[in-house]
């Protein structure tokens, strides 16, 4: 494992402290970047994560390299859930399932002792070529998707895929925009983790989030935004 990635991960873990409840490591938008992949894997170990939640765009072109990056991303003995982003291929979801991961497909799934719900981004795009991203597809797709009323953690690629707070949901994880964002609305915590691959076309600060949740009602107990710019925790959005 990369020494710098491990040091950054240990710094973040020290700033967060001992976990309470079930600990989620939230990553997104790696876009085939090796350094981000190594950092997330180091974070999973250093923070003692119970589950890795990846909210899309492992790739940039839906390339055959997706399998290799998914293998690198997953830390041993840490369950992983994945929801397809607009830059991921259909093949990746099938490989996630065959490798023991959980792919969000509109049904409630279980991983890390928690119930999860999400669905695939309806957009399929490629960097520089092909159709442009259409936010309207996310809005229309949301009308036909609902997690029901049971306690779940929602994981989708784009905020627009969850335009209203589903009944009983206390936590929604998203990606896509490469910027960290937190919003509390009607008792639900919306967490966008940023870009774990480093943002722009030539790299940049890498982002992730750590969320401790109650295993019964899936309510957040602590939420920390991580950035390599700070070497650890950039913001603490919630602490019980």
Protein backbone atom coordinates (compact mmCIF):
# COMPACT_ATOMS: atom_id res chain seq x y z
CA UNK A 1 0.00 0.00 0.00
CA UNK A 2 1.21 3.51 -0.82
CA UNK A 3 2.98 5.03 2.22
CA UNK A 4 1.57 8.52 1.67
CA UNK A 5 -1.96 7.16 1.36
CA UNK A 6 -1.55 5.28 4.62
CA UNK A 7 -0.23 8.35 6.45
CA UNK A 8 -3.09 10.50 5.20
CA UNK A 9 -5.58 7.83 6.25
CA UNK A 10 -4.08 7.51 9.72
CA UNK A 11 -4.23 11.28 10.16
CA UNK A 12 -7.91 11.31 9.25
CA UNK A 13 -8.66 8.39 11.56
CA UNK A 14 -6.96 10.10 14.50
CA UNK A 15 -9.02 13.25 13.95
CA UNK A 16 -12.30 11.31 13.80
CA UNK A 17 -11.69 9.08 16.82
CA UNK A 18 -13.43 5.93 18.01
CA UNK A 19 -16.52 4.94 16.05
CA UNK A 20 -20.04 4.72 17.44
CA UNK A 21 -22.64 2.51 15.78
CA UNK A 22 -21.90 1.27 12.26
CA UNK A 23 -19.17 3.15 10.40
CA UNK A 24 -19.64 3.93 6.69
CA UNK A 25 -16.78 5.07 4.47
CA UNK A 26 -18.35 7.02 1.61
CA UNK A 27 -16.35 7.42 -1.62
CA UNK A 28 -17.30 8.54 -5.13
CA UNK A 29 -16.01 9.65 -8.53
CA UNK A 30 -12.61 8.00 -8.66
CA UNK A 31 -12.45 8.15 -12.48
CA UNK A 32 -9.67 5.56 -12.79
CA UNK A 33 -7.26 7.40 -10.48
CA UNK A 34 -4.85 5.04 -8.75
CA UNK A 35 -3.87 7.41 -5.95
CA UNK A 36 -7.49 7.92 -4.94
CA UNK A 37 -8.10 4.19 -5.00
CA UNK A 38 -5.14 3.58 -2.69
CA UNK A 39 -6.25 6.35 -0.33
CA UNK A 40 -9.79 4.97 0.01
CA UNK A 41 -8.49 1.48 0.66
CA UNK A 42 -6.14 2.86 3.33
CA UNK A 43 -9.02 4.82 4.88
CA UNK A 44 -11.18 1.71 5.11
CA UNK A 45 -8.52 0.05 7.21
CA UNK A 46 -7.41 3.06 9.29
CA UNK A 47 -10.93 4.20 10.22
CA UNK A 48 -12.12 0.66 11.00
CA UNK A 49 -14.99 1.02 8.52
CA UNK A 50 -17.81 -1.53 8.62
CA UNK A 51 -18.91 -0.91 5.04
CA UNK A 52 -17.68 0.96 1.96
CA UNK A 53 -20.34 2.90 0.04
CA UNK A 54 -19.29 3.95 -3.46
CA UNK A 55 -21.70 6.28 -5.25
CA UNK A 56 -20.54 5.94 -8.82
CA UNK A 57 -18.06 6.87 -11.54
CA UNK A 58 -15.30 4.44 -10.78
CA UNK A 59 -14.37 4.85 -14.43
CA UNK A 60 -14.43 7.62 -16.98
CA UNK A 61 -15.14 5.66 -20.13
CA UNK A 62 -16.69 2.42 -18.95
CA UNK A 63 -13.35 0.82 -19.72
CA UNK A 64 -12.11 -2.72 -19.20
CA UNK A 65 -9.91 -1.32 -16.42
CA UNK A 66 -12.98 -1.12 -14.17
CA UNK A 67 -12.43 -4.63 -12.83
CA UNK A 68 -8.86 -3.87 -11.83
CA UNK A 69 -9.85 -0.65 -10.10
CA UNK A 70 -12.70 -2.31 -8.22
CA UNK A 71 -10.30 -4.99 -6.98
CA UNK A 72 -7.86 -2.31 -5.82
CA UNK A 73 -10.59 -0.24 -4.19
CA UNK A 74 -12.06 -2.95 -1.99
CA UNK A 75 -10.35 -3.45 1.36
CA UNK A 76 -10.21 -7.05 2.62
CA UNK A 77 -13.13 -8.03 4.88
CA UNK A 78 -15.01 -4.73 4.36
CA UNK A 79 -18.41 -5.20 2.68
CA UNK A 80 -18.96 -2.87 -0.27
CA UNK A 81 -22.03 -1.36 -1.91
CA UNK A 82 -21.97 0.32 -5.30
CA UNK A 83 -24.42 2.38 -7.35
CA UNK A 84 -23.69 2.98 -11.01
CA UNK A 85 -22.73 6.49 -12.10
CA UNK A 86 -23.11 7.93 -15.57
CA UNK A 87 -19.52 7.01 -16.51
CA UNK A 88 -19.70 3.37 -15.38
CA UNK A 89 -20.53 0.42 -17.59
CA UNK A 90 -23.19 -2.27 -17.16
CA UNK A 91 -20.36 -4.78 -16.90
CA UNK A 92 -19.11 -3.21 -13.68
CA UNK A 93 -22.35 -3.85 -11.78
CA UNK A 94 -22.22 -7.50 -12.78
CA UNK A 95 -18.59 -7.75 -11.68
CA UNK A 96 -19.37 -6.09 -8.33
CA UNK A 97 -21.98 -8.77 -7.71
CA UNK A 98 -19.72 -11.64 -8.78
CA UNK A 99 -16.96 -10.38 -6.46
CA UNK A 100 -19.23 -10.36 -3.41
CA UNK A 101 -20.25 -6.70 -3.46
CA UNK A 102 -23.76 -5.26 -3.50
CA UNK A 103 -24.98 -3.28 -6.52
CA UNK A 104 -27.93 -0.92 -6.08
CA UNK A 105 -30.75 -1.86 -8.44
CA UNK A 106 -33.90 -0.31 -6.97
CA UNK A 107 -34.34 -3.00 -4.33
CA UNK A 108 -33.44 -2.91 -0.63
CA UNK A 109 -30.16 -4.69 0.04
CA UNK A 110 -28.12 -5.50 3.15
CA UNK A 111 -24.43 -4.76 3.76
CA UNK A 112 -22.41 -4.07 6.89
CA UNK A 113 -25.40 -4.66 9.14
CA UNK A 114 -27.43 -1.90 7.44
CA UNK A 115 -30.25 -1.83 4.90
CA UNK A 116 -29.44 0.04 1.67
CA UNK A 117 -31.48 1.36 -1.22
CA UNK A 118 -30.55 3.08 -4.46
CA UNK A 119 -30.75 2.76 -8.22
CA UNK A 120 -28.59 3.39 -11.27
CA UNK A 121 -28.09 6.83 -12.74
CA UNK A 122 -30.26 6.82 -15.89
CA UNK A 123 -27.57 8.71 -17.81
CA UNK A 124 -24.82 6.88 -19.69
CA UNK A 125 -22.08 9.23 -20.85
CA UNK A 126 -18.44 9.12 -21.86
CA UNK A 127 -15.72 11.70 -21.35
CA UNK A 128 -15.44 14.09 -24.33
CA UNK A 129 -17.59 11.95 -26.63
CA UNK A 130 -21.16 10.72 -26.83
CA UNK A 131 -24.37 12.19 -25.34
CA UNK A 132 -24.28 14.96 -22.75
CA UNK A 133 -25.49 14.47 -19.21
CA UNK A 134 -29.22 15.18 -18.90
CA UNK A 135 -30.36 16.13 -15.36
CA UNK A 136 -33.97 15.79 -16.53
CA UNK A 137 -33.50 12.01 -16.75
CA UNK A 138 -32.66 11.94 -13.03
CA UNK A 139 -35.76 13.95 -12.18
CA UNK A 140 -38.07 11.76 -14.26
CA UNK A 141 -36.44 8.57 -12.97
CA UNK A 142 -37.02 9.60 -9.38
CA UNK A 143 -40.78 9.49 -9.92
CA UNK A 144 -40.63 5.75 -10.51
CA UNK A 145 -38.26 4.80 -7.67
CA UNK A 146 -38.93 4.66 -3.94
CA UNK A 147 -37.36 2.75 -1.03
CA UNK A 148 -40.66 2.25 0.76
CA UNK A 149 -40.99 3.04 4.46
CA UNK A 150 -38.40 0.78 6.16
CA UNK A 151 -35.23 2.37 7.64
CA UNK A 152 -32.57 2.40 4.91
CA UNK A 153 -29.48 4.33 3.92
CA UNK A 154 -30.03 5.74 0.42
CA UNK A 155 -27.04 5.71 -1.95
CA UNK A 156 -27.39 7.20 -5.45
CA UNK A 157 -25.05 8.99 -7.85
CA UNK A 158 -26.84 12.33 -8.20
CA UNK A 159 -28.80 14.44 -5.66
CA UNK A 160 -31.53 14.89 -8.27
CA UNK A 161 -32.34 11.18 -8.02
CA UNK A 162 -33.80 11.85 -4.53
CA UNK A 163 -35.73 15.13 -4.94
CA UNK A 164 -37.81 14.66 -1.78
CA UNK A 165 -37.03 12.96 1.52
CA UNK A 166 -38.37 9.38 1.43
CA UNK A 167 -40.46 8.35 4.42
CA UNK A 168 -38.31 7.21 7.33
CA UNK A 169 -34.97 7.89 5.58
CA UNK A 170 -32.37 9.66 7.73
CA UNK A 171 -29.31 9.51 5.47
CA UNK A 172 -28.76 10.01 1.71
CA UNK A 173 -25.31 9.59 0.13
CA UNK A 174 -24.50 11.07 -3.29
CA UNK A 175 -21.64 11.99 -5.63
CA UNK A 176 -21.34 13.27 -9.22
CA UNK A 177 -20.55 16.97 -8.66
CA UNK A 178 -16.97 16.55 -7.35
CA UNK A 179 -17.71 18.98 -4.49
CA UNK A 180 -18.41 18.18 -0.86
CA UNK A 181 -21.81 19.27 0.41
CA UNK A 182 -23.99 18.71 3.45
CA UNK A 183 -27.67 19.51 3.87
CA UNK A 184 -30.09 18.66 6.66
CA UNK A 185 -33.70 18.68 5.50
CA UNK A 186 -36.78 17.41 7.31
CA UNK A 187 -34.67 15.26 9.63
CA UNK A 188 -32.72 13.71 6.75
CA UNK A 189 -28.99 14.25 6.26
CA UNK A 190 -27.83 14.61 2.63
CA UNK A 191 -24.09 13.93 2.28
CA UNK A 192 -22.16 14.50 -0.95
CA UNK A 193 -18.60 13.28 -0.48
CA UNK A 194 -16.84 15.07 -3.37
CA UNK A 195 -14.34 13.43 -5.70
CA UNK A 196 -12.25 10.64 -4.22
CA UNK A 197 -10.15 10.66 -7.37
CA UNK A 198 -9.10 14.28 -7.06
CA UNK A 199 -11.54 16.46 -8.95
CA UNK A 200 -10.37 18.08 -12.18
CA UNK A 201 -8.76 16.58 -15.27
CA UNK A 202 -5.27 16.95 -13.84
CA UNK A 203 -6.06 15.84 -10.32
CA UNK A 204 -6.53 17.81 -7.13
CA UNK A 205 -7.54 17.29 -3.52
CA UNK A 206 -9.10 13.90 -2.84
CA UNK A 207 -12.34 13.67 -0.87
CA UNK A 208 -14.29 11.12 1.16
CA UNK A 209 -16.70 11.06 4.09
CA UNK A 210 -17.03 8.94 7.21
CA UNK A 211 -20.48 8.50 8.72
CA UNK A 212 -21.31 6.65 11.94
CA UNK A 213 -24.96 5.54 12.04
CA UNK A 214 -27.31 3.94 14.51
CA UNK A 215 -27.79 0.31 13.43
CA UNK A 216 -31.51 0.32 14.29
CA UNK A 217 -32.99 3.47 12.76
CA UNK A 218 -30.02 4.27 10.47
CA UNK A 219 -29.80 7.83 11.81
CA UNK A 220 -26.35 9.47 11.61
CA UNK A 221 -24.42 9.77 14.86
CA UNK A 222 -21.42 11.55 13.34
CA UNK A 223 -20.49 12.85 9.89
CA UNK A 224 -16.97 13.89 8.88
CA UNK A 225 -15.81 15.33 5.55
CA UNK A 226 -12.26 14.32 4.64
CA UNK A 227 -9.83 16.02 2.29
CA UNK A 228 -6.19 15.39 1.49
CA UNK A 229 -5.72 19.18 1.39
CA UNK A 230 -6.00 19.17 5.17
CA UNK A 231 -4.44 15.78 5.68
CA UNK A 232 -7.50 14.68 7.63
CA UNK A 233 -10.92 16.07 8.56
CA UNK A 234 -11.87 19.20 6.63
CA UNK A 235 -15.28 19.60 8.30
CA UNK A 236 -17.31 17.91 11.02
CA UNK A 237 -20.91 18.18 9.90
CA UNK A 238 -22.49 16.25 12.78
CA UNK A 239 -21.25 14.87 16.07
CA UNK A 240 -23.51 13.11 18.56
